[in-house]
Amino acid sequence: MKAAHEARDLLSDDGLYKLIAAGMIAGTPILFVVAVLISYLSGVGVGNALAIAVIPAMFGGVTFGGFVVLMGHLQREDQVDAAARATRRALTIATRDATAARAPAIA
């Protein structure tokens, strides 16, 4: 249960800020390089390709980079929650079975 609690702590405002900031830091340069390659391969010169790539990198890198990191975190949190639910379910079944085995039969 401790792991589930720690995963939920990352979804505080500060935790979300850190996740999205990490995505922006990684996503912007990656998308800039991709946009430069696409622009250059389409036939414009290197200088124009660099100029063209700035706008998609500024908007798309922030959006998609933050999105990828946040979705990865939410998927890990779902896995932790699923494991906690499975453990809780197993404990409930074991407790019910143990209680039924000790209870006297009423005829």
PDB file of N, CA and C in Angstrom:
ATOM      1  N   MET A   1       0.818  -1.202   0.000  1.00  0.00           N
ATOM      2  CA  MET A   1       0.000   0.000   0.000  1.00  0.00           C
ATOM      3  C   MET A   1       0.859   1.263   0.000  1.00  0.00           C
ATOM      4  N   LYS A   2       2.086   1.132   0.499  1.00  0.00           N
ATOM      5  CA  LYS A   2       2.955   2.299   0.536  1.00  0.00           C
ATOM      6  C   LYS A   2       3.274   2.792  -0.877  1.00  0.00           C
ATOM      7  N   ALA A   3       3.481   1.855  -1.806  1.00  0.00           N
ATOM      8  CA  ALA A   3       3.789   2.245  -3.187  1.00  0.00           C
ATOM      9  C   ALA A   3       2.624   2.998  -3.813  1.00  0.00           C
ATOM     10  N   ALA A   4       1.394   2.558  -3.537  1.00  0.00           N
ATOM     11  CA  ALA A   4       0.221   3.251  -4.078  1.00  0.00           C
ATOM     12  C   ALA A   4       0.123   4.662  -3.509  1.00  0.00           C
ATOM     13  N   HIS A   5       0.452   4.811  -2.232  1.00  0.00           N
ATOM     14  CA  HIS A   5       0.403   6.138  -1.622  1.00  0.00           C
ATOM     15  C   HIS A   5       1.466   7.052  -2.225  1.00  0.00           C
ATOM     16  N   GLU A   6       2.669   6.512  -2.469  1.00  0.00           N
ATOM     17  CA  GLU A   6       3.726   7.326  -3.075  1.00  0.00           C
ATOM     18  C   GLU A   6       3.367   7.728  -4.500  1.00  0.00           C
ATOM     19  N   ALA A   7       2.702   6.844  -5.244  1.00  0.00           N
ATOM     20  CA  ALA A   7       2.295   7.173  -6.613  1.00  0.00           C
ATOM     21  C   ALA A   7       1.277   8.293  -6.608  1.00  0.00           C
ATOM     22  N   ARG A   8       0.375   8.289  -5.635  1.00  0.00           N
ATOM     23  CA  ARG A   8      -0.631   9.349  -5.557  1.00  0.00           C
ATOM     24  C   ARG A   8      -0.003  10.687  -5.186  1.00  0.00           C
ATOM     25  N   ASP A   9       1.097  10.666  -4.397  1.00  0.00           N
ATOM     26  CA  ASP A   9       1.763  11.909  -4.026  1.00  0.00           C
ATOM     27  C   ASP A   9       2.320  12.627  -5.252  1.00  0.00           C
ATOM     28  N   LEU A  10       2.704  11.882  -6.287  1.00  0.00           N
ATOM     29  CA  LEU A  10       3.237  12.514  -7.492  1.00  0.00           C
ATOM     30  C   LEU A  10       2.164  13.241  -8.278  1.00  0.00           C
ATOM     31  N   LEU A  11       0.909  12.991  -7.978  1.00  0.00           N
ATOM     32  CA  LEU A  11      -0.162  13.677  -8.694  1.00  0.00           C
ATOM     33  C   LEU A  11      -0.607  14.952  -7.997  1.00  0.00           C
ATOM     34  N   SER A  12       0.166  15.416  -7.029  1.00  0.00           N
ATOM     35  CA  SER A  12      -0.115  16.711  -6.446  1.00  0.00           C
ATOM     36  C   SER A  12       0.243  17.783  -7.472  1.00  0.00           C
ATOM     37  N   ASP A  13      -0.070  19.025  -7.182  1.00  0.00           N
ATOM     38  CA  ASP A  13       0.238  20.103  -8.125  1.00  0.00           C
ATOM     39  C   ASP A  13       1.732  20.184  -8.407  1.00  0.00           C
ATOM     40  N   ASP A  14       2.547  20.048  -7.375  1.00  0.00           N
ATOM     41  CA  ASP A  14       3.994  20.123  -7.555  1.00  0.00           C
ATOM     42  C   ASP A  14       4.500  18.930  -8.368  1.00  0.00           C
ATOM     43  N   GLY A  15       3.935  17.751  -8.108  1.00  0.00           N
ATOM     44  CA  GLY A  15       4.336  16.558  -8.848  1.00  0.00           C
ATOM     45  C   GLY A  15       3.978  16.649 -10.318  1.00  0.00           C
ATOM     46  N   LEU A  16       2.780  17.143 -10.605  1.00  0.00           N
ATOM     47  CA  LEU A  16       2.365  17.312 -12.000  1.00  0.00           C
ATOM     48  C   LEU A  16       3.247  18.340 -12.708  1.00  0.00           C
ATOM     49  N   TYR A  17       3.581  19.404 -12.011  1.00  0.00           N
ATOM     50  CA  TYR A  17       4.444  20.433 -12.596  1.00  0.00           C
ATOM     51  C   TYR A  17       5.785  19.828 -12.989  1.00  0.00           C
ATOM     52  N   LYS A  18       6.360  19.006 -12.094  1.00  0.00           N
ATOM     53  CA  LYS A  18       7.657  18.401 -12.386  1.00  0.00           C
ATOM     54  C   LYS A  18       7.566  17.434 -13.561  1.00  0.00           C
ATOM     55  N   LEU A  19       6.491  16.655 -13.626  1.00  0.00           N
ATOM     56  CA  LEU A  19       6.327  15.714 -14.735  1.00  0.00           C
ATOM     57  C   LEU A  19       6.201  16.437 -16.071  1.00  0.00           C
ATOM     58  N   ILE A  20       5.369  17.454 -16.112  1.00  0.00           N
ATOM     59  CA  ILE A  20       5.145  18.180 -17.363  1.00  0.00           C
ATOM     60  C   ILE A  20       6.394  18.969 -17.760  1.00  0.00           C
ATOM     61  N   ALA A  21       7.098  19.529 -16.774  1.00  0.00           N
ATOM     62  CA  ALA A  21       8.337  20.252 -17.079  1.00  0.00           C
ATOM     63  C   ALA A  21       9.383  19.311 -17.669  1.00  0.00           C
ATOM     64  N   ALA A  22       9.475  18.097 -17.135  1.00  0.00           N
ATOM     65  CA  ALA A  22      10.424  17.120 -17.685  1.00  0.00           C
ATOM     66  C   ALA A  22      10.056  16.780 -19.125  1.00  0.00           C
ATOM     67  N   GLY A  23       8.770  16.647 -19.404  1.00  0.00           N
ATOM     68  CA  GLY A  23       8.331  16.378 -20.769  1.00  0.00           C
ATOM     69  C   GLY A  23       8.636  17.523 -21.707  1.00  0.00           C
ATOM     70  N   MET A  24       8.462  18.744 -21.222  1.00  0.00           N
ATOM     71  CA  MET A  24       8.760  19.914 -22.063  1.00  0.00           C
ATOM     72  C   MET A  24      10.246  19.998 -22.365  1.00  0.00           C
ATOM     73  N   ILE A  25      11.066  19.713 -21.365  1.00  0.00           N
ATOM     74  CA  ILE A  25      12.516  19.799 -21.551  1.00  0.00           C
ATOM     75  C   ILE A  25      12.982  18.780 -22.574  1.00  0.00           C
ATOM     76  N   ALA A  26      12.377  17.601 -22.573  1.00  0.00           N
ATOM     77  CA  ALA A  26      12.774  16.567 -23.531  1.00  0.00           C
ATOM     78  C   ALA A  26      12.051  16.741 -24.869  1.00  0.00           C
ATOM     79  N   GLY A  27      10.774  17.102 -24.832  1.00  0.00           N
ATOM     80  CA  GLY A  27       9.962  17.134 -26.043  1.00  0.00           C
ATOM     81  C   GLY A  27      10.308  18.245 -27.008  1.00  0.00           C
ATOM     82  N   THR A  28      10.660  19.410 -26.511  1.00  0.00           N
ATOM     83  CA  THR A  28      10.936  20.547 -27.388  1.00  0.00           C
ATOM     84  C   THR A  28      12.158  20.307 -28.278  1.00  0.00           C
ATOM     85  N   PRO A  29      13.307  19.897 -27.730  1.00  0.00           N
ATOM     86  CA  PRO A  29      14.453  19.654 -28.628  1.00  0.00           C
ATOM     87  C   PRO A  29      14.228  18.485 -29.587  1.00  0.00           C
ATOM     88  N   ILE A  30      13.550  17.438 -29.110  1.00  0.00           N
ATOM     89  CA  ILE A  30      13.296  16.289 -29.982  1.00  0.00           C
ATOM     90  C   ILE A  30      12.425  16.702 -31.167  1.00  0.00           C
ATOM     91  N   LEU A  31      11.358  17.441 -30.896  1.00  0.00           N
ATOM     92  CA  LEU A  31      10.477  17.863 -31.975  1.00  0.00           C
ATOM     93  C   LEU A  31      11.164  18.878 -32.884  1.00  0.00           C
ATOM     94  N   PHE A  32      12.061  19.679 -32.335  1.00  0.00           N
ATOM     95  CA  PHE A  32      12.811  20.627 -33.163  1.00  0.00           C
ATOM     96  C   PHE A  32      13.664  19.865 -34.180  1.00  0.00           C
ATOM     97  N   VAL A  33      14.361  18.837 -33.725  1.00  0.00           N
ATOM     98  CA  VAL A  33      15.203  18.054 -34.634  1.00  0.00           C
ATOM     99  C   VAL A  33      14.356  17.368 -35.700  1.00  0.00           C
ATOM    100  N   VAL A  34      13.233  16.810 -35.289  1.00  0.00           N
ATOM    101  CA  VAL A  34      12.339  16.149 -36.250  1.00  0.00           C
ATOM    102  C   VAL A  34      11.817  17.156 -37.271  1.00  0.00           C
ATOM    103  N   ALA A  35      11.420  18.336 -36.816  1.00  0.00           N
ATOM    104  CA  ALA A  35      10.893  19.357 -37.732  1.00  0.00           C
ATOM    105  C   ALA A  35      11.975  19.859 -38.683  1.00  0.00           C
ATOM    106  N   VAL A  36      13.214  19.986 -38.206  1.00  0.00           N
ATOM    107  CA  VAL A  36      14.317  20.409 -39.079  1.00  0.00           C
ATOM    108  C   VAL A  36      14.540  19.359 -40.167  1.00  0.00           C
ATOM    109  N   LEU A  37      14.559  18.093 -39.774  1.00  0.00           N
ATOM    110  CA  LEU A  37      14.765  17.025 -40.757  1.00  0.00           C
ATOM    111  C   LEU A  37      13.650  16.997 -41.806  1.00  0.00           C
ATOM    112  N   ILE A  38      12.412  17.115 -41.353  1.00  0.00           N
ATOM    113  CA  ILE A  38      11.289  17.112 -42.305  1.00  0.00           C
ATOM    114  C   ILE A  38      11.378  18.312 -43.240  1.00  0.00           C
ATOM    115  N   SER A  39      11.666  19.484 -42.684  1.00  0.00           N
ATOM    116  CA  SER A  39      11.766  20.691 -43.517  1.00  0.00           C
ATOM    117  C   SER A  39      12.917  20.588 -44.501  1.00  0.00           C
ATOM    118  N   TYR A  40      14.060  20.104 -44.034  1.00  0.00           N
ATOM    119  CA  TYR A  40      15.234  19.996 -44.905  1.00  0.00           C
ATOM    120  C   TYR A  40      14.999  18.971 -46.017  1.00  0.00           C
ATOM    121  N   LEU A  41      14.388  17.850 -45.669  1.00  0.00           N
ATOM    122  CA  LEU A  41      14.130  16.817 -46.669  1.00  0.00           C
ATOM    123  C   LEU A  41      13.057  17.235 -47.675  1.00  0.00           C
ATOM    124  N   SER A  42      12.262  18.235 -47.318  1.00  0.00           N
ATOM    125  CA  SER A  42      11.249  18.697 -48.268  1.00  0.00           C
ATOM    126  C   SER A  42      11.833  19.654 -49.302  1.00  0.00           C
ATOM    127  N   GLY A  43      13.093  20.049 -49.131  1.00  0.00           N
ATOM    128  CA  GLY A  43      13.748  20.818 -50.175  1.00  0.00           C
ATOM    129  C   GLY A  43      14.138  22.228 -49.819  1.00  0.00           C
ATOM    130  N   VAL A  44      13.852  22.706 -48.639  1.00  0.00           N
ATOM    131  CA  VAL A  44      14.285  24.060 -48.267  1.00  0.00           C
ATOM    132  C   VAL A  44      15.722  23.989 -47.763  1.00  0.00           C
ATOM    133  N   GLY A  45      16.389  25.103 -47.730  1.00  0.00           N
ATOM    134  CA  GLY A  45      17.775  25.133 -47.262  1.00  0.00           C
ATOM    135  C   GLY A  45      17.868  24.941 -45.755  1.00  0.00           C
ATOM    136  N   VAL A  46      19.096  24.820 -45.288  1.00  0.00           N
ATOM    137  CA  VAL A  46      19.327  24.564 -43.860  1.00  0.00           C
ATOM    138  C   VAL A  46      18.826  25.737 -43.015  1.00  0.00           C
ATOM    139  N   GLY A  47      19.137  26.964 -43.435  1.00  0.00           N
ATOM    140  CA  GLY A  47      18.692  28.142 -42.676  1.00  0.00           C
ATOM    141  C   GLY A  47      17.179  28.239 -42.584  1.00  0.00           C
ATOM    142  N   ASN A  48      16.520  28.017 -43.720  1.00  0.00           N
ATOM    143  CA  ASN A  48      15.054  28.055 -43.704  1.00  0.00           C
ATOM    144  C   ASN A  48      14.467  26.899 -42.896  1.00  0.00           C
ATOM    145  N   ALA A  49      15.098  25.731 -42.973  1.00  0.00           N
ATOM    146  CA  ALA A  49      14.617  24.588 -42.200  1.00  0.00           C
ATOM    147  C   ALA A  49      14.700  24.878 -40.702  1.00  0.00           C
ATOM    148  N   LEU A  50      15.786  25.523 -40.278  1.00  0.00           N
ATOM    149  CA  LEU A  50      15.920  25.894 -38.866  1.00  0.00           C
ATOM    150  C   LEU A  50      14.853  26.906 -38.460  1.00  0.00           C
ATOM    151  N   ALA A  51      14.591  27.862 -39.333  1.00  0.00           N
ATOM    152  CA  ALA A  51      13.577  28.876 -39.026  1.00  0.00           C
ATOM    153  C   ALA A  51      12.183  28.272 -38.988  1.00  0.00           C
ATOM    154  N   ILE A  52      11.896  27.382 -39.914  1.00  0.00           N
ATOM    155  CA  ILE A  52      10.575  26.760 -39.970  1.00  0.00           C
ATOM    156  C   ILE A  52      10.336  25.880 -38.748  1.00  0.00           C
ATOM    157  N   ALA A  53      11.367  25.208 -38.272  1.00  0.00           N
ATOM    158  CA  ALA A  53      11.218  24.228 -37.188  1.00  0.00           C
ATOM    159  C   ALA A  53      10.962  24.858 -35.827  1.00  0.00           C
ATOM    160  N   VAL A  54      11.176  26.159 -35.693  1.00  0.00           N
ATOM    161  CA  VAL A  54      11.006  26.801 -34.385  1.00  0.00           C
ATOM    162  C   VAL A  54       9.553  26.751 -33.916  1.00  0.00           C
ATOM    163  N   ILE A  55       8.627  27.070 -34.784  1.00  0.00           N
ATOM    164  CA  ILE A  55       7.213  27.147 -34.376  1.00  0.00           C
ATOM    165  C   ILE A  55       6.662  25.783 -33.956  1.00  0.00           C
ATOM    166  N   PRO A  56       6.842  24.715 -34.735  1.00  0.00           N
ATOM    167  CA  PRO A  56       6.336  23.416 -34.258  1.00  0.00           C
ATOM    168  C   PRO A  56       7.010  22.969 -32.964  1.00  0.00           C
ATOM    169  N   ALA A  57       8.299  23.273 -32.811  1.00  0.00           N
ATOM    170  CA  ALA A  57       9.001  22.858 -31.596  1.00  0.00           C
ATOM    171  C   ALA A  57       8.473  23.584 -30.372  1.00  0.00           C
ATOM    172  N   MET A  58       8.175  24.861 -30.507  1.00  0.00           N
ATOM    173  CA  MET A  58       7.696  25.626 -29.350  1.00  0.00           C
ATOM    174  C   MET A  58       6.308  25.174 -28.903  1.00  0.00           C
ATOM    175  N   PHE A  59       5.444  24.894 -29.837  1.00  0.00           N
ATOM    176  CA  PHE A  59       4.083  24.495 -29.462  1.00  0.00           C
ATOM    177  C   PHE A  59       3.952  22.982 -29.290  1.00  0.00           C
ATOM    178  N   GLY A  60       4.409  22.245 -30.277  1.00  0.00           N
ATOM    179  CA  GLY A  60       4.237  20.793 -30.245  1.00  0.00           C
ATOM    180  C   GLY A  60       5.129  20.109 -29.228  1.00  0.00           C
ATOM    181  N   GLY A  61       6.349  20.581 -29.050  1.00  0.00           N
ATOM    182  CA  GLY A  61       7.259  19.959 -28.091  1.00  0.00           C
ATOM    183  C   GLY A  61       6.731  20.057 -26.674  1.00  0.00           C
ATOM    184  N   VAL A  62       6.214  21.211 -26.334  1.00  0.00           N
ATOM    185  CA  VAL A  62       5.639  21.403 -25.001  1.00  0.00           C
ATOM    186  C   VAL A  62       4.420  20.510 -24.815  1.00  0.00           C
ATOM    187  N   THR A  63       3.543  20.492 -25.790  1.00  0.00           N
ATOM    188  CA  THR A  63       2.304  19.728 -25.677  1.00  0.00           C
ATOM    189  C   THR A  63       2.563  18.232 -25.677  1.00  0.00           C
ATOM    190  N   PHE A  64       3.247  17.743 -26.698  1.00  0.00           N
ATOM    191  CA  PHE A  64       3.421  16.299 -26.827  1.00  0.00           C
ATOM    192  C   PHE A  64       4.448  15.751 -25.847  1.00  0.00           C
ATOM    193  N   GLY A  65       5.494  16.499 -25.567  1.00  0.00           N
ATOM    194  CA  GLY A  65       6.484  16.038 -24.591  1.00  0.00           C
ATOM    195  C   GLY A  65       5.883  15.883 -23.212  1.00  0.00           C
ATOM    196  N   GLY A  66       5.138  16.896 -22.764  1.00  0.00           N
ATOM    197  CA  GLY A  66       4.468  16.803 -21.461  1.00  0.00           C
ATOM    198  C   GLY A  66       3.427  15.707 -21.441  1.00  0.00           C
ATOM    199  N   PHE A  67       2.726  15.522 -22.549  1.00  0.00           N
ATOM    200  CA  PHE A  67       1.690  14.504 -22.642  1.00  0.00           C
ATOM    201  C   PHE A  67       2.276  13.099 -22.512  1.00  0.00           C
ATOM    202  N   VAL A  68       3.389  12.851 -23.195  1.00  0.00           N
ATOM    203  CA  VAL A  68       3.999  11.521 -23.169  1.00  0.00           C
ATOM    204  C   VAL A  68       4.467  11.176 -21.756  1.00  0.00           C
ATOM    205  N   VAL A  69       5.137  12.096 -21.095  1.00  0.00           N
ATOM    206  CA  VAL A  69       5.634  11.834 -19.747  1.00  0.00           C
ATOM    207  C   VAL A  69       4.466  11.640 -18.783  1.00  0.00           C
ATOM    208  N   LEU A  70       3.443  12.466 -18.878  1.00  0.00           N
ATOM    209  CA  LEU A  70       2.298  12.358 -17.979  1.00  0.00           C
ATOM    210  C   LEU A  70       1.541  11.052 -18.207  1.00  0.00           C
ATOM    211  N   MET A  71       1.344  10.639 -19.445  1.00  0.00           N
ATOM    212  CA  MET A  71       0.641   9.378 -19.713  1.00  0.00           C
ATOM    213  C   MET A  71       1.444   8.183 -19.210  1.00  0.00           C
ATOM    214  N   GLY A  72       2.758   8.232 -19.346  1.00  0.00           N
ATOM    215  CA  GLY A  72       3.593   7.159 -18.814  1.00  0.00           C
ATOM    216  C   GLY A  72       3.459   7.043 -17.306  1.00  0.00           C
ATOM    217  N   HIS A  73       3.425   8.186 -16.629  1.00  0.00           N
ATOM    218  CA  HIS A  73       3.264   8.179 -15.172  1.00  0.00           C
ATOM    219  C   HIS A  73       1.894   7.640 -14.775  1.00  0.00           C
ATOM    220  N   LEU A  74       0.855   8.063 -15.464  1.00  0.00           N
ATOM    221  CA  LEU A  74      -0.486   7.591 -15.136  1.00  0.00           C
ATOM    222  C   LEU A  74      -0.615   6.091 -15.381  1.00  0.00           C
ATOM    223  N   GLN A  75       0.053   5.575 -16.395  1.00  0.00           N
ATOM    224  CA  GLN A  75       0.023   4.133 -16.652  1.00  0.00           C
ATOM    225  C   GLN A  75       0.714   3.375 -15.518  1.00  0.00           C
ATOM    226  N   ARG A  76       1.848   3.881 -15.037  1.00  0.00           N
ATOM    227  CA  ARG A  76       2.524   3.229 -13.910  1.00  0.00           C
ATOM    228  C   ARG A  76       1.652   3.271 -12.669  1.00  0.00           C
ATOM    229  N   GLU A  77       0.954   4.374 -12.456  1.00  0.00           N
ATOM    230  CA  GLU A  77       0.069   4.475 -11.292  1.00  0.00           C
ATOM    231  C   GLU A  77      -1.085   3.481 -11.395  1.00  0.00           C
ATOM    232  N   ASP A  78      -1.618   3.288 -12.587  1.00  0.00           N
ATOM    233  CA  ASP A  78      -2.675   2.297 -12.784  1.00  0.00           C
ATOM    234  C   ASP A  78      -2.184   0.900 -12.449  1.00  0.00           C
ATOM    235  N   GLN A  79      -0.956   0.581 -12.827  1.00  0.00           N
ATOM    236  CA  GLN A  79      -0.399  -0.733 -12.518  1.00  0.00           C
ATOM    237  C   GLN A  79      -0.262  -0.932 -11.013  1.00  0.00           C
ATOM    238  N   VAL A  80       0.174   0.118 -10.305  1.00  0.00           N
ATOM    239  CA  VAL A  80       0.296   0.036  -8.845  1.00  0.00           C
ATOM    240  C   VAL A  80      -1.086  -0.144  -8.228  1.00  0.00           C
ATOM    241  N   ASP A  81      -2.072   0.599  -8.709  1.00  0.00           N
ATOM    242  CA  ASP A  81      -3.432   0.469  -8.189  1.00  0.00           C
ATOM    243  C   ASP A  81      -4.007  -0.912  -8.470  1.00  0.00           C
ATOM    244  N   ALA A  82      -3.734  -1.474  -9.636  1.00  0.00           N
ATOM    245  CA  ALA A  82      -4.240  -2.811  -9.968  1.00  0.00           C
ATOM    246  C   ALA A  82      -3.631  -3.854  -9.037  1.00  0.00           C
ATOM    247  N   ALA A  83      -2.351  -3.717  -8.736  1.00  0.00           N
ATOM    248  CA  ALA A  83      -1.698  -4.653  -7.822  1.00  0.00           C
ATOM    249  C   ALA A  83      -2.291  -4.523  -6.418  1.00  0.00           C
ATOM    250  N   ALA A  84      -2.563  -3.303  -5.987  1.00  0.00           N
ATOM    251  CA  ALA A  84      -3.159  -3.099  -4.662  1.00  0.00           C
ATOM    252  C   ALA A  84      -4.565  -3.679  -4.609  1.00  0.00           C
ATOM    253  N   ARG A  85      -5.346  -3.519  -5.676  1.00  0.00           N
ATOM    254  CA  ARG A  85      -6.699  -4.096  -5.710  1.00  0.00           C
ATOM    255  C   ARG A  85      -6.650  -5.613  -5.672  1.00  0.00           C
ATOM    256  N   ALA A  86      -5.700  -6.204  -6.399  1.00  0.00           N
ATOM    257  CA  ALA A  86      -5.573  -7.666  -6.411  1.00  0.00           C
ATOM    258  C   ALA A  86      -5.193  -8.184  -5.031  1.00  0.00           C
ATOM    259  N   THR A  87      -4.295  -7.489  -4.361  1.00  0.00           N
ATOM    260  CA  THR A  87      -3.903  -7.892  -3.008  1.00  0.00           C
ATOM    261  C   THR A  87      -5.075  -7.775  -2.052  1.00  0.00           C
ATOM    262  N   ARG A  88      -5.809  -6.683  -2.136  1.00  0.00           N
ATOM    263  CA  ARG A  88      -6.973  -6.477  -1.272  1.00  0.00           C
ATOM    264  C   ARG A  88      -8.024  -7.561  -1.518  1.00  0.00           C
ATOM    265  N   ARG A  89      -8.244  -7.908  -2.776  1.00  0.00           N
ATOM    266  CA  ARG A  89      -9.214  -8.946  -3.122  1.00  0.00           C
ATOM    267  C   ARG A  89      -8.782 -10.296  -2.565  1.00  0.00           C
ATOM    268  N   ALA A  90      -7.486 -10.626  -2.688  1.00  0.00           N
ATOM    269  CA  ALA A  90      -6.977 -11.902  -2.171  1.00  0.00           C
ATOM    270  C   ALA A  90      -7.110 -11.965  -0.655  1.00  0.00           C
ATOM    271  N   LEU A  91      -6.831 -10.851   0.029  1.00  0.00           N
ATOM    272  CA  LEU A  91      -6.985 -10.828   1.487  1.00  0.00           C
ATOM    273  C   LEU A  91      -8.440 -10.983   1.899  1.00  0.00           C
ATOM    274  N   THR A  92      -9.344 -10.372   1.165  1.00  0.00           N
ATOM    275  CA  THR A  92     -10.766 -10.499   1.467  1.00  0.00           C
ATOM    276  C   THR A  92     -11.227 -11.943   1.319  1.00  0.00           C
ATOM    277  N   ILE A  93     -10.814 -12.591   0.248  1.00  0.00           N
ATOM    278  CA  ILE A  93     -11.197 -13.989   0.016  1.00  0.00           C
ATOM    279  C   ILE A  93     -10.602 -14.888   1.094  1.00  0.00           C
ATOM    280  N   ALA A  94      -9.314 -14.672   1.425  1.00  0.00           N
ATOM    281  CA  ALA A  94      -8.664 -15.493   2.452  1.00  0.00           C
ATOM    282  C   ALA A  94      -9.336 -15.301   3.807  1.00  0.00           C
ATOM    283  N   THR A  95      -9.694 -14.072   4.147  1.00  0.00           N
ATOM    284  CA  THR A  95     -10.372 -13.805   5.419  1.00  0.00           C
ATOM    285  C   THR A  95     -11.741 -14.459   5.436  1.00  0.00           C
ATOM    286  N   ARG A  96     -12.475 -14.365   4.362  1.00  0.00           N
ATOM    287  CA  ARG A  96     -13.802 -14.976   4.283  1.00  0.00           C
ATOM    288  C   ARG A  96     -13.716 -16.488   4.418  1.00  0.00           C
ATOM    289  N   ASP A  97     -12.737 -17.098   3.738  1.00  0.00           N
ATOM    290  CA  ASP A  97     -12.570 -18.549   3.816  1.00  0.00           C
ATOM    291  C   ASP A  97     -12.167 -18.986   5.222  1.00  0.00           C
ATOM    292  N   ALA A  98     -11.253 -18.233   5.844  1.00  0.00           N
ATOM    293  CA  ALA A  98     -10.825 -18.585   7.194  1.00  0.00           C
ATOM    294  C   ALA A  98     -11.971 -18.430   8.183  1.00  0.00           C
ATOM    295  N   THR A  99     -12.789 -17.412   8.033  1.00  0.00           N
ATOM    296  CA  THR A  99     -13.928 -17.195   8.923  1.00  0.00           C
ATOM    297  C   THR A  99     -14.972 -18.286   8.713  1.00  0.00           C
ATOM    298  N   ALA A 100     -15.192 -18.673   7.494  1.00  0.00           N
ATOM    299  CA  ALA A 100     -16.176 -19.734   7.206  1.00  0.00           C
ATOM    300  C   ALA A 100     -15.709 -21.068   7.743  1.00  0.00           C
ATOM    301  N   ALA A 101     -14.416 -21.329   7.755  1.00  0.00           N
ATOM    302  CA  ALA A 101     -13.898 -22.596   8.248  1.00  0.00           C
ATOM    303  C   ALA A 101     -14.012 -22.673   9.772  1.00  0.00           C
ATOM    304  N   ARG A 102     -13.903 -21.548  10.473  1.00  0.00           N
ATOM    305  CA  ARG A 102     -13.976 -21.546  11.939  1.00  0.00           C
ATOM    306  C   ARG A 102     -15.408 -21.479  12.454  1.00  0.00           C
ATOM    307  N   ALA A 103     -16.322 -20.964  11.665  1.00  0.00           N
ATOM    308  CA  ALA A 103     -17.704 -20.781  12.144  1.00  0.00           C
ATOM    309  C   ALA A 103     -18.398 -22.135  12.286  1.00  0.00           C
ATOM    310  N   PRO A 104     -19.120 -22.305  13.394  1.00  0.00           N
ATOM    311  CA  PRO A 104     -19.851 -23.575  13.573  1.00  0.00           C
ATOM    312  C   PRO A 104     -21.015 -23.632  12.590  1.00  0.00           C
ATOM    313  N   ALA A 105     -21.275 -24.816  12.153  1.00  0.00           N
ATOM    314  CA  ALA A 105     -22.385 -25.017  11.212  1.00  0.00           C
ATOM    315  C   ALA A 105     -23.700 -25.002  11.997  1.00  0.00           C
ATOM    316  N   ILE A 106     -24.625 -24.203  11.546  1.00  0.00           N
ATOM    317  CA  ILE A 106     -25.939 -24.113  12.184  1.00  0.00           C
ATOM    318  C   ILE A 106     -26.895 -24.951  11.332  1.00  0.00           C
ATOM    319  N   ALA A 107     -27.461 -25.952  11.975  1.00  0.00           N
ATOM    320  CA  ALA A 107     -28.326 -26.852  11.232  1.00  0.00           C
ATOM    321  C   ALA A 107     -29.782 -26.552  11.496  1.00  0.00           C
TER     322      ALA A 107
END
